[in-house]
Amino acid sequence: MSTAYISVRAYDELKRWLSAKGYVLKEFPEGDLPYPAISSHPDIYISDTKNGLIRQYEISGNYPDYLGFNGVFLDKYFIHNLKYTSPTLISQAENMGLTLVNVRQGYTKCSCVVVDGSSIITADKGIISALSACPDIDVLGISEGHVLLDGFEYGFIGGASGRVGNSIVFNGDIKTHPDCDAIKAFIEGRGLEVVSFPGLKLYDIGTIFTE
């Protein structure tokens, strides 16, 4: 049976949608990290290598020690602030023959919607700049903000979304983002469906993972 890994803070509408699609929900509770809103984020504990999910079970509560798994695996690249990356992910990326791309943003996965193995959406200018040297990655740059995260000025679009089968699913209504038309066109142009939930503000829950 398929499993969906989500934050306990995910909207009920998202939880019901995943359940209706046949997923068993594994909800991450709030933990001991300094920021309760982040402590339930699956992308602190899980990384999608494209060859399957890998997990870490014990993390430090101190910044930036808990960022080790928040990298992005694409078909040819691994993207993260490599100063913070877990040795487990570095080894995995090297074993897969991926090119390592260093960025300033430690919350790399939170910052990126991974549409497919060569396409991402992000508002992070540092990530956009770093990936300009990778011509085989398609990047849609969008406006910062417009995503909620308790205790912070704003959250990240990658943390408010995830790929579920042939859909990119948002925790909230993508129409509340000023770049919604460009986001939808970018996703649908790659043969994927956009799923979101009308009337709800986009809320960062630390990525939706499935297996």
N, C-alpha and C. Protein backbone atom coordinates (compact mmCIF):
# COMPACT_ATOMS: atom_id res chain seq x y z
N MET A 1 0.84 -1.19 0.00
CA MET A 1 0.00 0.00 0.00
C MET A 1 0.88 1.25 0.00
N SER A 2 0.46 2.28 -0.70
CA SER A 2 1.24 3.51 -0.83
C SER A 2 1.11 4.37 0.42
N THR A 3 2.18 5.10 0.73
CA THR A 3 2.23 5.94 1.92
C THR A 3 2.52 7.38 1.51
N ALA A 4 1.86 8.32 2.17
CA ALA A 4 2.14 9.75 2.00
C ALA A 4 2.67 10.28 3.32
N TYR A 5 3.79 10.98 3.25
CA TYR A 5 4.42 11.56 4.43
C TYR A 5 4.16 13.06 4.42
N ILE A 6 3.47 13.53 5.47
CA ILE A 6 3.08 14.93 5.53
C ILE A 6 3.20 15.45 6.97
N SER A 7 3.21 16.75 7.09
CA SER A 7 3.20 17.39 8.40
C SER A 7 1.82 17.27 9.03
N VAL A 8 1.81 17.18 10.36
CA VAL A 8 0.54 17.19 11.08
C VAL A 8 -0.21 18.49 10.82
N ARG A 9 0.51 19.53 10.39
CA ARG A 9 -0.11 20.83 10.13
C ARG A 9 -0.72 20.95 8.73
N ALA A 10 -0.65 19.93 7.93
CA ALA A 10 -1.25 19.98 6.59
C ALA A 10 -2.76 20.20 6.70
N TYR A 11 -3.31 20.87 5.71
CA TYR A 11 -4.75 21.11 5.68
C TYR A 11 -5.51 19.79 5.62
N ASP A 12 -6.67 19.76 6.27
CA ASP A 12 -7.52 18.56 6.22
C ASP A 12 -7.92 18.24 4.79
N GLU A 13 -8.11 19.27 3.98
CA GLU A 13 -8.49 19.04 2.58
C GLU A 13 -7.42 18.24 1.85
N LEU A 14 -6.17 18.53 2.10
CA LEU A 14 -5.08 17.76 1.50
C LEU A 14 -5.07 16.34 2.03
N LYS A 15 -5.25 16.19 3.32
CA LYS A 15 -5.25 14.84 3.91
C LYS A 15 -6.37 13.99 3.32
N ARG A 16 -7.55 14.58 3.17
CA ARG A 16 -8.67 13.83 2.60
C ARG A 16 -8.40 13.46 1.14
N TRP A 17 -7.79 14.37 0.40
CA TRP A 17 -7.48 14.09 -1.01
C TRP A 17 -6.51 12.93 -1.12
N LEU A 18 -5.46 12.94 -0.32
CA LEU A 18 -4.48 11.86 -0.34
C LEU A 18 -5.12 10.53 0.05
N SER A 19 -5.95 10.56 1.08
CA SER A 19 -6.62 9.33 1.51
C SER A 19 -7.52 8.79 0.42
N ALA A 20 -8.23 9.69 -0.28
CA ALA A 20 -9.12 9.27 -1.36
C ALA A 20 -8.34 8.66 -2.52
N LYS A 21 -7.08 9.05 -2.67
CA LYS A 21 -6.22 8.48 -3.71
C LYS A 21 -5.60 7.16 -3.29
N GLY A 22 -5.91 6.72 -2.07
CA GLY A 22 -5.44 5.42 -1.62
C GLY A 22 -4.18 5.44 -0.79
N TYR A 23 -3.72 6.62 -0.39
CA TYR A 23 -2.50 6.71 0.41
C TYR A 23 -2.80 6.56 1.90
N VAL A 24 -1.97 5.81 2.57
CA VAL A 24 -1.97 5.78 4.03
C VAL A 24 -1.13 6.96 4.50
N LEU A 25 -1.67 7.77 5.41
CA LEU A 25 -0.99 8.98 5.83
C LEU A 25 -0.05 8.70 7.00
N LYS A 26 1.18 9.16 6.87
CA LYS A 26 2.14 9.17 7.97
C LYS A 26 2.37 10.63 8.31
N GLU A 27 1.78 11.07 9.43
CA GLU A 27 1.86 12.47 9.81
C GLU A 27 3.01 12.69 10.78
N PHE A 28 3.86 13.65 10.46
CA PHE A 28 4.99 13.98 11.32
C PHE A 28 4.53 14.95 12.41
N PRO A 29 4.72 14.60 13.68
CA PRO A 29 4.32 15.49 14.77
C PRO A 29 5.35 16.60 14.98
N GLU A 30 4.96 17.58 15.76
CA GLU A 30 5.93 18.60 16.14
C GLU A 30 6.94 18.00 17.10
N GLY A 31 8.21 18.37 16.93
CA GLY A 31 9.28 17.78 17.72
C GLY A 31 10.04 18.81 18.53
N ASP A 32 11.33 18.56 18.71
CA ASP A 32 12.14 19.35 19.63
C ASP A 32 12.98 20.42 18.95
N LEU A 33 12.78 20.66 17.67
CA LEU A 33 13.55 21.71 17.01
C LEU A 33 13.14 23.08 17.56
N PRO A 34 14.01 24.08 17.43
CA PRO A 34 13.70 25.40 18.00
C PRO A 34 12.42 26.02 17.46
N TYR A 35 12.05 25.70 16.21
CA TYR A 35 10.86 26.28 15.60
C TYR A 35 9.79 25.20 15.44
N PRO A 36 8.73 25.24 16.24
CA PRO A 36 7.70 24.20 16.16
C PRO A 36 7.12 24.03 14.76
N ALA A 37 6.97 25.14 14.01
CA ALA A 37 6.37 25.06 12.68
C ALA A 37 7.22 24.25 11.72
N ILE A 38 8.53 24.19 11.95
CA ILE A 38 9.43 23.44 11.08
C ILE A 38 9.63 22.01 11.57
N SER A 39 9.47 21.79 12.86
CA SER A 39 9.82 20.49 13.44
C SER A 39 8.98 19.34 12.91
N SER A 40 7.81 19.64 12.35
CA SER A 40 6.96 18.59 11.77
C SER A 40 7.14 18.46 10.26
N HIS A 41 8.15 19.12 9.70
CA HIS A 41 8.34 19.10 8.25
C HIS A 41 9.04 17.82 7.80
N PRO A 42 8.40 17.03 6.94
CA PRO A 42 9.03 15.80 6.47
C PRO A 42 10.37 16.01 5.78
N ASP A 43 10.56 17.17 5.11
CA ASP A 43 11.81 17.35 4.36
C ASP A 43 13.02 17.65 5.25
N ILE A 44 12.81 17.68 6.57
CA ILE A 44 13.93 17.69 7.51
C ILE A 44 14.43 16.26 7.75
N TYR A 45 13.53 15.30 7.57
CA TYR A 45 13.83 13.91 7.91
C TYR A 45 13.97 12.99 6.69
N ILE A 46 13.42 13.41 5.56
CA ILE A 46 13.33 12.56 4.36
C ILE A 46 13.93 13.29 3.18
N SER A 47 14.58 12.54 2.30
CA SER A 47 15.03 13.09 1.02
C SER A 47 14.64 12.12 -0.09
N ASP A 48 14.15 12.68 -1.19
CA ASP A 48 13.74 11.89 -2.35
C ASP A 48 14.89 11.85 -3.34
N THR A 49 15.53 10.70 -3.44
CA THR A 49 16.72 10.56 -4.29
C THR A 49 16.38 10.27 -5.75
N LYS A 50 15.10 10.13 -6.05
CA LYS A 50 14.61 9.67 -7.36
C LYS A 50 14.76 8.15 -7.52
N ASN A 51 15.59 7.54 -6.69
CA ASN A 51 15.66 6.07 -6.63
C ASN A 51 14.94 5.55 -5.39
N GLY A 52 14.20 6.43 -4.75
CA GLY A 52 13.50 6.07 -3.52
C GLY A 52 13.80 7.06 -2.42
N LEU A 53 13.01 6.98 -1.36
CA LEU A 53 13.18 7.87 -0.23
C LEU A 53 14.23 7.32 0.72
N ILE A 54 15.03 8.22 1.29
CA ILE A 54 15.92 7.84 2.38
C ILE A 54 15.62 8.73 3.57
N ARG A 55 15.88 8.22 4.78
CA ARG A 55 15.44 8.88 6.00
C ARG A 55 16.57 9.02 6.99
N GLN A 56 16.46 10.04 7.82
CA GLN A 56 17.30 10.13 9.01
C GLN A 56 16.36 10.19 10.21
N TYR A 57 16.74 9.54 11.28
CA TYR A 57 15.83 9.39 12.41
C TYR A 57 16.25 10.22 13.62
N GLU A 58 17.51 10.61 13.68
CA GLU A 58 17.98 11.43 14.79
C GLU A 58 18.64 12.68 14.23
N ILE A 59 18.15 13.84 14.64
CA ILE A 59 18.74 15.09 14.17
C ILE A 59 18.95 16.02 15.35
N SER A 60 19.87 16.94 15.20
CA SER A 60 20.13 17.93 16.23
C SER A 60 19.07 19.02 16.16
N GLY A 61 18.77 19.58 17.31
CA GLY A 61 17.82 20.67 17.35
C GLY A 61 18.42 22.02 17.04
N ASN A 62 19.70 22.06 16.73
CA ASN A 62 20.38 23.33 16.51
C ASN A 62 20.51 23.65 15.02
N TYR A 63 20.26 24.92 14.66
CA TYR A 63 20.51 25.37 13.29
C TYR A 63 22.01 25.53 13.12
N PRO A 64 22.63 25.11 12.01
CA PRO A 64 22.01 24.52 10.82
C PRO A 64 22.08 22.99 10.77
N ASP A 65 22.29 22.36 11.94
CA ASP A 65 22.55 20.92 11.95
C ASP A 65 21.39 20.10 11.39
N TYR A 66 20.16 20.62 11.49
CA TYR A 66 19.01 19.84 11.03
C TYR A 66 18.74 20.01 9.53
N LEU A 67 19.60 20.71 8.82
CA LEU A 67 19.39 20.94 7.39
C LEU A 67 20.00 19.86 6.50
N GLY A 68 20.61 18.85 7.08
CA GLY A 68 21.40 17.90 6.32
C GLY A 68 20.68 17.15 5.22
N PHE A 69 19.36 16.96 5.37
CA PHE A 69 18.60 16.20 4.38
C PHE A 69 17.78 17.09 3.46
N ASN A 70 17.96 18.41 3.54
CA ASN A 70 17.10 19.32 2.80
C ASN A 70 17.65 19.69 1.43
N GLY A 71 18.30 18.72 0.78
CA GLY A 71 18.81 18.92 -0.57
C GLY A 71 17.83 18.47 -1.63
N VAL A 72 18.17 18.74 -2.88
CA VAL A 72 17.32 18.41 -4.04
C VAL A 72 18.08 17.48 -4.98
N PHE A 73 17.49 16.32 -5.25
CA PHE A 73 18.01 15.39 -6.25
C PHE A 73 17.28 15.59 -7.57
N LEU A 74 18.02 15.85 -8.63
CA LEU A 74 17.48 15.86 -9.99
C LEU A 74 18.14 14.74 -10.78
N ASP A 75 17.80 14.63 -12.05
CA ASP A 75 18.34 13.52 -12.86
C ASP A 75 19.86 13.55 -12.94
N LYS A 76 20.43 14.75 -13.06
CA LYS A 76 21.87 14.87 -13.25
C LYS A 76 22.58 15.65 -12.14
N TYR A 77 21.81 16.22 -11.21
CA TYR A 77 22.40 17.14 -10.24
C TYR A 77 21.88 16.87 -8.83
N PHE A 78 22.72 17.22 -7.86
CA PHE A 78 22.29 17.32 -6.47
C PHE A 78 22.57 18.74 -6.02
N ILE A 79 21.55 19.40 -5.46
CA ILE A 79 21.62 20.82 -5.14
C ILE A 79 21.42 21.03 -3.64
N HIS A 80 22.33 21.73 -3.01
CA HIS A 80 22.20 22.04 -1.58
C HIS A 80 23.32 22.99 -1.19
N ASN A 81 23.22 23.55 0.02
CA ASN A 81 24.37 24.19 0.63
C ASN A 81 25.24 23.05 1.15
N LEU A 82 26.28 22.73 0.42
CA LEU A 82 27.05 21.50 0.67
C LEU A 82 27.78 21.54 2.01
N LYS A 83 27.89 22.70 2.60
CA LYS A 83 28.50 22.82 3.92
C LYS A 83 27.63 22.13 4.97
N TYR A 84 26.33 22.05 4.71
CA TYR A 84 25.39 21.50 5.67
C TYR A 84 24.90 20.10 5.32
N THR A 85 25.24 19.61 4.14
CA THR A 85 24.65 18.36 3.65
C THR A 85 25.11 17.16 4.46
N SER A 86 24.17 16.28 4.75
CA SER A 86 24.49 15.02 5.41
C SER A 86 25.46 14.20 4.56
N PRO A 87 26.47 13.58 5.17
CA PRO A 87 27.35 12.69 4.41
C PRO A 87 26.59 11.58 3.69
N THR A 88 25.45 11.18 4.26
CA THR A 88 24.62 10.15 3.61
C THR A 88 24.16 10.61 2.24
N LEU A 89 23.72 11.87 2.15
CA LEU A 89 23.24 12.38 0.86
C LEU A 89 24.39 12.62 -0.11
N ILE A 90 25.52 13.09 0.39
CA ILE A 90 26.68 13.27 -0.48
C ILE A 90 27.08 11.94 -1.10
N SER A 91 27.14 10.90 -0.28
CA SER A 91 27.51 9.57 -0.79
C SER A 91 26.49 9.08 -1.81
N GLN A 92 25.21 9.28 -1.50
CA GLN A 92 24.16 8.86 -2.42
C GLN A 92 24.29 9.57 -3.76
N ALA A 93 24.49 10.87 -3.71
CA ALA A 93 24.62 11.65 -4.95
C ALA A 93 25.84 11.22 -5.76
N GLU A 94 26.94 11.00 -5.08
CA GLU A 94 28.16 10.56 -5.79
C GLU A 94 27.98 9.17 -6.38
N ASN A 95 27.32 8.28 -5.66
CA ASN A 95 27.08 6.93 -6.17
C ASN A 95 26.16 6.95 -7.39
N MET A 96 25.29 7.96 -7.47
CA MET A 96 24.39 8.11 -8.61
C MET A 96 25.05 8.85 -9.76
N GLY A 97 26.27 9.31 -9.58
CA GLY A 97 26.98 10.03 -10.62
C GLY A 97 26.48 11.44 -10.85
N LEU A 98 25.89 12.05 -9.82
CA LEU A 98 25.33 13.38 -9.96
C LEU A 98 26.40 14.46 -9.78
N THR A 99 26.20 15.57 -10.47
CA THR A 99 27.03 16.75 -10.27
C THR A 99 26.53 17.50 -9.05
N LEU A 100 27.42 17.84 -8.13
CA LEU A 100 27.05 18.57 -6.92
C LEU A 100 27.03 20.06 -7.21
N VAL A 101 25.92 20.71 -6.88
CA VAL A 101 25.77 22.15 -7.09
C VAL A 101 25.59 22.81 -5.72
N ASN A 102 26.50 23.69 -5.38
CA ASN A 102 26.44 24.37 -4.08
C ASN A 102 25.63 25.66 -4.19
N VAL A 103 24.73 25.87 -3.24
CA VAL A 103 23.94 27.10 -3.17
C VAL A 103 24.01 27.64 -1.74
N ARG A 104 23.70 28.89 -1.56
CA ARG A 104 23.74 29.49 -0.21
C ARG A 104 22.57 29.02 0.65
N GLN A 105 21.44 28.74 0.03
CA GLN A 105 20.21 28.41 0.75
C GLN A 105 20.30 27.02 1.37
N GLY A 106 20.28 26.96 2.71
CA GLY A 106 20.30 25.67 3.39
C GLY A 106 18.97 24.94 3.28
N TYR A 107 17.87 25.70 3.23
CA TYR A 107 16.55 25.11 3.06
C TYR A 107 16.27 24.93 1.56
N THR A 108 17.10 24.15 0.91
CA THR A 108 17.02 24.06 -0.55
C THR A 108 15.75 23.37 -1.00
N LYS A 109 15.43 22.20 -0.42
CA LYS A 109 14.22 21.50 -0.84
C LYS A 109 12.99 22.31 -0.51
N CYS A 110 12.97 22.93 0.67
CA CYS A 110 11.84 23.79 1.02
C CYS A 110 11.60 24.85 -0.04
N SER A 111 12.69 25.31 -0.64
CA SER A 111 12.62 26.44 -1.57
C SER A 111 12.24 26.05 -2.99
N CYS A 112 12.22 24.75 -3.29
CA CYS A 112 12.05 24.30 -4.68
C CYS A 112 10.87 23.35 -4.83
N VAL A 113 10.02 23.63 -5.80
CA VAL A 113 9.06 22.63 -6.29
C VAL A 113 9.80 21.81 -7.34
N VAL A 114 10.01 20.54 -7.04
CA VAL A 114 10.67 19.65 -8.01
C VAL A 114 9.58 19.09 -8.92
N VAL A 115 9.44 19.67 -10.09
CA VAL A 115 8.37 19.27 -11.02
C VAL A 115 8.71 17.93 -11.66
N ASP A 116 9.93 17.81 -12.15
CA ASP A 116 10.43 16.52 -12.66
C ASP A 116 11.95 16.53 -12.52
N GLY A 117 12.61 15.57 -13.13
CA GLY A 117 14.04 15.42 -12.92
C GLY A 117 14.90 16.50 -13.52
N SER A 118 14.30 17.42 -14.28
CA SER A 118 15.08 18.52 -14.86
C SER A 118 14.35 19.86 -14.79
N SER A 119 13.33 19.96 -13.94
CA SER A 119 12.53 21.18 -13.89
C SER A 119 12.17 21.53 -12.45
N ILE A 120 12.44 22.77 -12.05
CA ILE A 120 12.06 23.22 -10.71
C ILE A 120 11.44 24.60 -10.77
N ILE A 121 10.70 24.92 -9.70
CA ILE A 121 10.13 26.24 -9.49
C ILE A 121 10.69 26.76 -8.17
N THR A 122 11.19 28.00 -8.16
CA THR A 122 11.73 28.56 -6.93
C THR A 122 11.68 30.08 -6.96
N ALA A 123 11.61 30.67 -5.76
CA ALA A 123 11.72 32.12 -5.63
C ALA A 123 13.11 32.53 -5.17
N ASP A 124 13.98 31.56 -4.90
CA ASP A 124 15.29 31.86 -4.34
C ASP A 124 16.26 32.32 -5.43
N LYS A 125 16.67 33.58 -5.34
CA LYS A 125 17.53 34.14 -6.39
C LYS A 125 18.90 33.48 -6.43
N GLY A 126 19.41 33.05 -5.28
CA GLY A 126 20.70 32.37 -5.25
C GLY A 126 20.65 31.03 -5.96
N ILE A 127 19.56 30.29 -5.78
CA ILE A 127 19.39 29.01 -6.47
C ILE A 127 19.26 29.26 -7.97
N ILE A 128 18.46 30.25 -8.35
CA ILE A 128 18.28 30.57 -9.77
C ILE A 128 19.63 30.91 -10.40
N SER A 129 20.42 31.71 -9.70
CA SER A 129 21.73 32.10 -10.23
C SER A 129 22.66 30.90 -10.38
N ALA A 130 22.70 30.04 -9.35
CA ALA A 130 23.58 28.87 -9.41
C ALA A 130 23.20 27.94 -10.55
N LEU A 131 21.90 27.79 -10.78
CA LEU A 131 21.44 26.85 -11.80
C LEU A 131 21.53 27.43 -13.21
N SER A 132 21.83 28.71 -13.32
CA SER A 132 22.02 29.29 -14.66
C SER A 132 23.23 28.67 -15.36
N ALA A 133 24.11 28.05 -14.58
CA ALA A 133 25.27 27.36 -15.17
C ALA A 133 24.94 25.92 -15.57
N CYS A 134 23.68 25.53 -15.38
CA CYS A 134 23.24 24.16 -15.70
C CYS A 134 22.17 24.25 -16.78
N PRO A 135 22.55 24.32 -18.06
CA PRO A 135 21.58 24.59 -19.12
C PRO A 135 20.53 23.51 -19.31
N ASP A 136 20.77 22.32 -18.76
CA ASP A 136 19.77 21.25 -18.91
C ASP A 136 18.79 21.20 -17.75
N ILE A 137 18.77 22.25 -16.90
CA ILE A 137 17.74 22.39 -15.88
C ILE A 137 16.84 23.55 -16.26
N ASP A 138 15.54 23.31 -16.33
CA ASP A 138 14.56 24.36 -16.56
C ASP A 138 14.13 24.93 -15.21
N VAL A 139 14.26 26.24 -15.04
CA VAL A 139 13.93 26.89 -13.78
C VAL A 139 12.89 27.97 -14.03
N LEU A 140 11.78 27.90 -13.30
CA LEU A 140 10.81 28.98 -13.29
C LEU A 140 11.03 29.80 -12.02
N GLY A 141 11.46 31.04 -12.19
CA GLY A 141 11.62 31.94 -11.06
C GLY A 141 10.32 32.66 -10.76
N ILE A 142 9.95 32.68 -9.48
CA ILE A 142 8.68 33.30 -9.08
C ILE A 142 8.92 34.32 -7.97
N SER A 143 7.86 35.02 -7.59
CA SER A 143 7.94 36.04 -6.54
C SER A 143 8.15 35.41 -5.17
N GLU A 144 8.93 36.08 -4.33
CA GLU A 144 9.11 35.65 -2.95
C GLU A 144 7.83 35.83 -2.17
N GLY A 145 7.67 35.00 -1.13
CA GLY A 145 6.54 35.18 -0.23
C GLY A 145 5.27 34.52 -0.74
N HIS A 146 4.13 35.01 -0.19
CA HIS A 146 2.80 34.53 -0.56
C HIS A 146 2.56 33.09 -0.11
N VAL A 147 3.39 32.61 0.83
CA VAL A 147 3.25 31.29 1.44
C VAL A 147 3.37 31.49 2.95
N LEU A 148 2.43 30.97 3.71
CA LEU A 148 2.44 31.16 5.16
C LEU A 148 3.34 30.15 5.85
N LEU A 149 3.93 30.56 6.97
CA LEU A 149 4.66 29.67 7.87
C LEU A 149 4.69 30.35 9.23
N ASP A 150 4.08 29.72 10.22
CA ASP A 150 3.96 30.33 11.55
C ASP A 150 5.33 30.69 12.11
N GLY A 151 5.44 31.90 12.63
CA GLY A 151 6.68 32.35 13.25
C GLY A 151 7.68 32.96 12.29
N PHE A 152 7.35 32.99 11.00
CA PHE A 152 8.25 33.52 9.99
C PHE A 152 7.50 34.52 9.11
N GLU A 153 8.26 35.41 8.47
CA GLU A 153 7.64 36.38 7.58
C GLU A 153 6.89 35.68 6.45
N TYR A 154 7.48 34.62 5.94
CA TYR A 154 6.83 33.81 4.91
C TYR A 154 7.49 32.45 4.85
N GLY A 155 6.80 31.50 4.20
CA GLY A 155 7.35 30.17 3.98
C GLY A 155 7.81 30.03 2.54
N PHE A 156 8.01 28.78 2.13
CA PHE A 156 8.57 28.49 0.81
C PHE A 156 7.60 27.67 -0.03
N ILE A 157 7.60 27.93 -1.33
CA ILE A 157 6.67 27.26 -2.25
C ILE A 157 6.94 25.76 -2.33
N GLY A 158 8.22 25.36 -2.25
CA GLY A 158 8.52 23.93 -2.29
C GLY A 158 7.98 23.20 -1.09
N GLY A 159 8.02 23.85 0.06
CA GLY A 159 7.49 23.25 1.28
C GLY A 159 5.98 23.19 1.31
N ALA A 160 5.33 23.94 0.42
CA ALA A 160 3.87 23.94 0.36
C ALA A 160 3.35 23.03 -0.74
N SER A 161 4.17 22.07 -1.17
CA SER A 161 3.80 21.27 -2.34
C SER A 161 4.51 19.93 -2.34
N GLY A 162 4.20 19.14 -3.35
CA GLY A 162 4.89 17.87 -3.56
C GLY A 162 4.35 17.19 -4.80
N ARG A 163 5.14 16.30 -5.35
CA ARG A 163 4.67 15.53 -6.50
C ARG A 163 4.02 14.25 -6.00
N VAL A 164 2.80 14.03 -6.46
CA VAL A 164 2.05 12.82 -6.12
C VAL A 164 1.61 12.19 -7.43
N GLY A 165 2.27 11.12 -7.84
CA GLY A 165 1.97 10.52 -9.13
C GLY A 165 2.26 11.50 -10.24
N ASN A 166 1.25 11.76 -11.06
CA ASN A 166 1.40 12.70 -12.17
C ASN A 166 0.80 14.07 -11.85
N SER A 167 0.76 14.39 -10.56
CA SER A 167 0.23 15.68 -10.12
C SER A 167 1.25 16.40 -9.25
N ILE A 168 1.27 17.73 -9.37
CA ILE A 168 1.93 18.57 -8.38
C ILE A 168 0.82 19.12 -7.50
N VAL A 169 0.90 18.78 -6.22
CA VAL A 169 -0.18 19.07 -5.28
C VAL A 169 0.29 20.17 -4.33
N PHE A 170 -0.56 21.17 -4.13
CA PHE A 170 -0.24 22.29 -3.25
C PHE A 170 -1.09 22.23 -1.99
N ASN A 171 -0.48 22.55 -0.87
CA ASN A 171 -1.21 22.66 0.39
C ASN A 171 -1.80 24.07 0.47
N GLY A 172 -2.96 24.21 -0.16
CA GLY A 172 -3.61 25.50 -0.28
C GLY A 172 -4.03 25.74 -1.72
N ASP A 173 -4.38 26.97 -2.00
CA ASP A 173 -4.91 27.36 -3.31
C ASP A 173 -3.82 28.09 -4.10
N ILE A 174 -3.37 27.50 -5.19
CA ILE A 174 -2.31 28.12 -5.98
C ILE A 174 -2.76 29.46 -6.55
N LYS A 175 -4.06 29.69 -6.65
CA LYS A 175 -4.56 30.96 -7.17
C LYS A 175 -4.28 32.12 -6.22
N THR A 176 -3.90 31.84 -4.97
CA THR A 176 -3.54 32.92 -4.04
C THR A 176 -2.13 33.44 -4.29
N HIS A 177 -1.40 32.78 -5.17
CA HIS A 177 -0.04 33.24 -5.50
C HIS A 177 -0.10 34.13 -6.74
N PRO A 178 0.58 35.27 -6.75
CA PRO A 178 0.48 36.18 -7.90
C PRO A 178 1.01 35.59 -9.20
N ASP A 179 1.85 34.58 -9.11
CA ASP A 179 2.41 33.95 -10.31
C ASP A 179 1.71 32.64 -10.65
N CYS A 180 0.47 32.51 -10.21
CA CYS A 180 -0.23 31.22 -10.37
C CYS A 180 -0.33 30.80 -11.83
N ASP A 181 -0.58 31.73 -12.73
CA ASP A 181 -0.74 31.35 -14.14
C ASP A 181 0.57 30.78 -14.70
N ALA A 182 1.68 31.41 -14.38
CA ALA A 182 2.98 30.92 -14.85
C ALA A 182 3.31 29.57 -14.22
N ILE A 183 2.98 29.42 -12.94
CA ILE A 183 3.24 28.16 -12.25
C ILE A 183 2.44 27.03 -12.89
N LYS A 184 1.17 27.27 -13.12
CA LYS A 184 0.32 26.24 -13.73
C LYS A 184 0.80 25.90 -15.14
N ALA A 185 1.15 26.91 -15.92
CA ALA A 185 1.60 26.66 -17.29
C ALA A 185 2.90 25.85 -17.30
N PHE A 186 3.81 26.15 -16.38
CA PHE A 186 5.09 25.44 -16.30
C PHE A 186 4.86 23.97 -15.96
N ILE A 187 3.98 23.71 -15.01
CA ILE A 187 3.70 22.33 -14.60
C ILE A 187 2.95 21.58 -15.69
N GLU A 188 1.88 22.18 -16.19
CA GLU A 188 1.07 21.51 -17.20
C GLU A 188 1.84 21.33 -18.50
N GLY A 189 2.78 22.21 -18.78
CA GLY A 189 3.62 22.07 -19.97
C GLY A 189 4.53 20.86 -19.92
N ARG A 190 4.66 20.27 -18.74
CA ARG A 190 5.45 19.05 -18.58
C ARG A 190 4.57 17.83 -18.39
N GLY A 191 3.30 17.98 -18.77
CA GLY A 191 2.39 16.84 -18.79
C GLY A 191 1.83 16.45 -17.44
N LEU A 192 1.91 17.35 -16.47
CA LEU A 192 1.44 17.06 -15.12
C LEU A 192 0.21 17.90 -14.79
N GLU A 193 -0.56 17.40 -13.84
CA GLU A 193 -1.76 18.09 -13.37
C GLU A 193 -1.43 18.93 -12.15
N VAL A 194 -2.11 20.05 -12.01
CA VAL A 194 -1.99 20.89 -10.81
C VAL A 194 -3.20 20.63 -9.93
N VAL A 195 -2.95 20.29 -8.67
CA VAL A 195 -4.02 20.08 -7.69
C VAL A 195 -3.83 21.08 -6.57
N SER A 196 -4.87 21.85 -6.27
CA SER A 196 -4.82 22.74 -5.11
C SER A 196 -6.23 22.85 -4.54
N PHE A 197 -6.36 23.57 -3.44
CA PHE A 197 -7.59 23.54 -2.66
C PHE A 197 -8.13 24.95 -2.50
N PRO A 198 -9.25 25.25 -3.19
CA PRO A 198 -9.76 26.61 -3.30
C PRO A 198 -10.01 27.27 -1.94
N GLY A 199 -9.64 28.55 -1.89
CA GLY A 199 -9.95 29.37 -0.73
C GLY A 199 -8.98 29.28 0.42
N LEU A 200 -7.96 28.42 0.31
CA LEU A 200 -6.99 28.24 1.40
C LEU A 200 -5.66 28.90 1.03
N LYS A 201 -5.11 29.66 1.93
CA LYS A 201 -3.81 30.27 1.68
C LYS A 201 -2.74 29.19 1.61
N LEU A 202 -1.78 29.35 0.73
CA LEU A 202 -0.67 28.41 0.65
C LEU A 202 0.07 28.39 1.99
N TYR A 203 0.32 27.18 2.49
CA TYR A 203 0.97 27.04 3.80
C TYR A 203 2.10 26.02 3.69
N ASP A 204 3.27 26.41 4.16
CA ASP A 204 4.48 25.58 4.08
C ASP A 204 4.42 24.47 5.12
N ILE A 205 4.37 23.22 4.65
CA ILE A 205 4.33 22.06 5.55
C ILE A 205 5.54 21.14 5.36
N GLY A 206 6.54 21.62 4.64
CA GLY A 206 7.77 20.84 4.52
C GLY A 206 7.71 19.70 3.51
N THR A 207 7.05 19.93 2.39
CA THR A 207 6.99 18.99 1.26
C THR A 207 6.08 17.80 1.55
N ILE A 208 5.43 17.33 0.50
CA ILE A 208 4.63 16.10 0.51
C ILE A 208 5.47 15.03 -0.18
N PHE A 209 5.75 13.94 0.52
CA PHE A 209 6.49 12.82 -0.06
C PHE A 209 5.57 11.60 -0.15
N THR A 210 5.75 10.79 -1.19
CA THR A 210 4.98 9.55 -1.31
C THR A 210 5.90 8.41 -1.74
N GLU A 211 5.48 7.20 -1.39
CA GLU A 211 6.17 6.01 -1.89
C GLU A 211 5.19 4.84 -1.88
